[in-house]
Amino acid sequence: MNYIALLRGINVGDSVRITMKELKALFEKTGCTNVSTYINSGNVIFTSADDRLVIRKTLEKELLKTTGTDIKVLIKTKDEIDAIAAAVPSGWKNDTEQKADVAYLFDVIDDAKIIDELPIKKKFIDIRYVKGALMWNVKRADYNKSRINKIISCGLYKDMTIRNVNTARALQTCIAAGMPKA
């Protein structure tokens, strides 16, 4: 089965640094095949016959051994990535006028109700839930007013991994083609 692994918190700010070459080798070492990475933020497309829970536990254990840090890994199937990408409105983008992101959710918080738990001001942001993700779009002029940047201080933040809409769409294209971009 084709999967995408979304690693949380690598190569961002002062976080754990790991090259995509090292990451690819780590995945291959754990038995994953057709492994490719997409950009430097911990997006790995691969094939495995194993159950995603087994894959996740194996990868997290190997990442801990390699980096000395607990790194959470979210595994999504092609169908899940397709559904999430399809739910992102086509007009949402990152440009000088707007900022749009997708927060992929770990199972423990995968529920529409979490929107009400976020420290945001809904009148300044269009935020939506789809199974497996939250997505939002905010006008650049309203970014600070929306308080979306406060999400990092929210307890739910540790159970999500965020990608901009360009990356979300690119990941869907990569896995749909069956041949990931290198």
Protein backbone atom coordinates (compact mmCIF):
# COMPACT_ATOMS: atom_id res chain seq x y z
CA MET A 1 0.00 0.00 0.00
CA ASN A 2 1.15 3.55 -0.69
CA TYR A 3 1.53 5.78 2.34
CA ILE A 4 2.74 9.22 3.28
CA ALA A 5 4.52 9.70 6.58
CA LEU A 6 4.34 13.19 8.02
CA LEU A 7 7.02 13.68 10.65
CA ARG A 8 6.20 16.23 13.29
CA GLY A 9 8.69 18.92 14.19
CA ILE A 10 11.81 18.10 12.20
CA ASN A 11 13.95 20.69 10.43
CA VAL A 12 11.86 23.56 11.83
CA GLY A 13 13.44 26.27 13.97
CA ASP A 14 15.65 24.71 16.64
CA SER A 15 14.14 21.26 16.19
CA VAL A 16 15.84 18.00 15.29
CA ARG A 17 17.79 18.20 12.04
CA ILE A 18 17.83 15.24 9.71
CA THR A 19 18.64 15.25 6.02
CA MET A 20 16.19 13.78 3.58
CA LYS A 21 18.91 11.38 2.42
CA GLU A 22 19.24 10.10 6.02
CA LEU A 23 15.47 9.95 6.37
CA LYS A 24 15.09 7.95 3.16
CA ALA A 25 17.78 5.50 4.33
CA LEU A 26 16.06 5.13 7.71
CA PHE A 27 12.74 4.26 6.04
CA GLU A 28 14.44 1.75 3.76
CA LYS A 29 16.20 0.21 6.76
CA THR A 30 12.80 -0.44 8.36
CA GLY A 31 11.57 -2.31 5.28
CA CYS A 32 9.74 0.45 3.42
CA THR A 33 10.14 0.46 -0.37
CA ASN A 34 9.77 3.03 -3.16
CA VAL A 35 10.82 5.65 -0.62
CA SER A 36 11.02 9.29 -1.62
CA THR A 37 10.94 12.55 0.28
CA TYR A 38 9.23 15.79 -0.59
CA ILE A 39 10.91 19.02 0.54
CA ASN A 40 12.86 19.23 3.77
CA SER A 41 10.01 19.17 6.31
CA GLY A 42 9.58 15.45 6.91
CA ASN A 43 7.24 14.29 4.15
CA VAL A 44 8.01 10.74 3.07
CA ILE A 45 6.13 8.82 0.41
CA PHE A 46 6.63 5.06 0.50
CA THR A 47 5.17 1.61 -0.01
CA SER A 48 4.74 -1.05 2.66
CA ALA A 49 2.70 -4.20 3.13
CA ASP A 50 2.66 -3.63 6.90
CA ASP A 51 -0.16 -2.15 8.96
CA ARG A 52 0.23 1.58 9.56
CA LEU A 53 0.40 1.15 13.35
CA VAL A 54 3.30 -1.28 12.97
CA ILE A 55 4.99 1.11 10.52
CA ARG A 56 4.54 4.09 12.84
CA LYS A 57 5.90 2.31 15.90
CA THR A 58 8.86 0.93 13.96
CA LEU A 59 9.70 4.34 12.48
CA GLU A 60 9.34 6.19 15.78
CA LYS A 61 11.61 3.67 17.49
CA GLU A 62 14.23 3.97 14.75
CA LEU A 63 14.02 7.78 14.76
CA LEU A 64 14.55 7.82 18.53
CA LYS A 65 17.56 5.55 18.15
CA THR A 66 18.98 7.68 15.32
CA THR A 67 18.27 11.20 16.63
CA GLY A 68 17.95 10.71 20.39
CA THR A 69 14.61 12.51 20.25
CA ASP A 70 11.00 11.31 20.24
CA ILE A 71 9.61 12.24 16.84
CA LYS A 72 5.93 11.63 16.20
CA VAL A 73 5.09 10.08 12.84
CA LEU A 74 1.65 10.36 11.27
CA ILE A 75 0.91 7.79 8.57
CA LYS A 76 -1.77 8.56 5.99
CA THR A 77 -3.02 6.42 3.12
CA LYS A 78 -3.43 7.61 -0.45
CA ASP A 79 -7.22 7.74 0.00
CA GLU A 80 -6.90 9.85 3.16
CA ILE A 81 -4.48 12.28 1.48
CA ASP A 82 -6.79 12.47 -1.56
CA ALA A 83 -9.83 13.27 0.61
CA ILE A 84 -8.00 15.94 2.59
CA ALA A 85 -6.54 17.61 -0.52
CA ALA A 86 -9.94 17.51 -2.24
CA ALA A 87 -11.51 19.33 0.72
CA VAL A 88 -9.16 22.31 0.40
CA PRO A 89 -11.01 25.01 -1.58
CA SER A 90 -9.30 25.71 -4.90
CA GLY A 91 -9.13 29.44 -4.18
CA TRP A 92 -7.06 28.97 -1.04
CA LYS A 93 -3.39 29.73 -1.47
CA ASN A 94 -0.35 31.30 0.06
CA ASP A 95 0.33 34.66 -1.51
CA THR A 96 0.53 38.30 -0.51
CA GLU A 97 -3.21 38.40 0.24
CA GLN A 98 -3.86 35.14 2.13
CA LYS A 99 -2.29 32.29 4.05
CA ALA A 100 -3.72 28.78 4.03
CA ASP A 101 -2.54 25.70 5.91
CA VAL A 102 -3.54 22.10 6.57
CA ALA A 103 -3.05 20.61 10.04
CA TYR A 104 -2.93 16.83 9.74
CA LEU A 105 -4.38 15.33 12.92
CA PHE A 106 -3.22 12.38 14.97
CA ASP A 107 -6.08 10.04 15.90
CA VAL A 108 -6.35 11.27 19.51
CA ILE A 109 -7.69 14.66 18.37
CA ASP A 110 -9.27 13.77 15.02
CA ASP A 111 -12.67 15.34 15.68
CA ALA A 112 -14.49 18.42 14.40
CA LYS A 113 -15.05 19.56 18.00
CA ILE A 114 -11.41 20.57 18.38
CA ILE A 115 -12.10 23.75 16.41
CA ASP A 116 -13.90 25.05 19.50
CA GLU A 117 -10.85 24.29 21.65
CA LEU A 118 -8.43 26.34 19.56
CA PRO A 119 -7.42 29.83 20.73
CA ILE A 120 -8.59 31.48 17.51
CA LYS A 121 -10.99 34.28 16.63
CA LYS A 122 -13.29 32.66 14.08
CA LYS A 123 -14.54 35.93 12.63
CA PHE A 124 -11.08 36.50 11.13
CA ILE A 125 -10.41 33.00 9.79
CA ASP A 126 -12.13 30.39 7.66
CA ILE A 127 -11.37 27.13 9.47
CA ARG A 128 -12.77 23.74 8.47
CA TYR A 129 -12.58 20.14 9.58
CA VAL A 130 -12.38 17.10 7.35
CA LYS A 131 -11.63 13.60 8.62
CA GLY A 132 -7.92 13.61 9.40
CA ALA A 133 -7.27 17.34 9.17
CA LEU A 134 -8.10 20.91 9.96
CA MET A 135 -7.58 23.50 7.28
CA TRP A 136 -7.70 27.23 7.44
CA ASN A 137 -7.44 30.31 5.32
CA VAL A 138 -6.82 33.76 6.68
CA LYS A 139 -6.31 37.09 4.97
CA ARG A 140 -2.77 38.32 5.60
CA ALA A 141 -4.22 41.58 6.93
CA ASP A 142 -6.17 39.60 9.55
CA TYR A 143 -3.47 37.08 10.43
CA ASN A 144 -2.63 38.50 13.88
CA LYS A 145 -6.28 39.22 14.64
CA SER A 146 -7.19 35.59 13.88
CA ARG A 147 -4.78 34.42 16.60
CA ILE A 148 -3.93 31.34 14.53
CA ASN A 149 -0.32 31.83 15.60
CA LYS A 150 -1.47 31.07 19.17
CA ILE A 151 -2.18 27.49 18.14
CA ILE A 152 1.39 26.55 19.08
CA SER A 153 0.63 27.27 22.74
CA CYS A 154 -2.50 25.11 22.67
CA GLY A 155 -2.33 21.59 24.11
CA LEU A 156 -3.76 20.16 20.88
CA TYR A 157 -0.75 21.37 18.90
CA LYS A 158 1.39 18.38 19.92
CA ASP A 159 -1.07 16.07 18.13
CA MET A 160 -1.02 17.75 14.74
CA THR A 161 1.53 18.47 12.05
CA ILE A 162 1.03 21.46 9.80
CA ARG A 163 1.83 21.92 6.11
CA ASN A 164 0.93 24.85 3.88
CA VAL A 165 -1.68 24.24 1.17
CA ASN A 166 0.96 24.15 -1.55
CA THR A 167 2.65 21.22 0.19
CA ALA A 168 -0.70 19.52 0.90
CA ARG A 169 -1.60 19.68 -2.78
CA ALA A 170 1.85 18.57 -3.89
CA LEU A 171 1.76 15.55 -1.57
CA GLN A 172 -1.57 14.51 -3.06
CA THR A 173 -0.15 14.86 -6.57
CA CYS A 174 2.93 12.82 -5.62
CA ILE A 175 1.02 9.92 -4.11
CA ALA A 176 -1.65 9.99 -6.85
CA ALA A 177 1.04 9.61 -9.50
CA GLY A 178 2.37 6.60 -7.64
CA MET A 179 5.84 7.93 -8.17
CA PRO A 180 6.87 10.53 -5.62
CA LYS A 181 8.94 13.56 -6.49
CA ALA A 182 12.51 13.24 -5.23
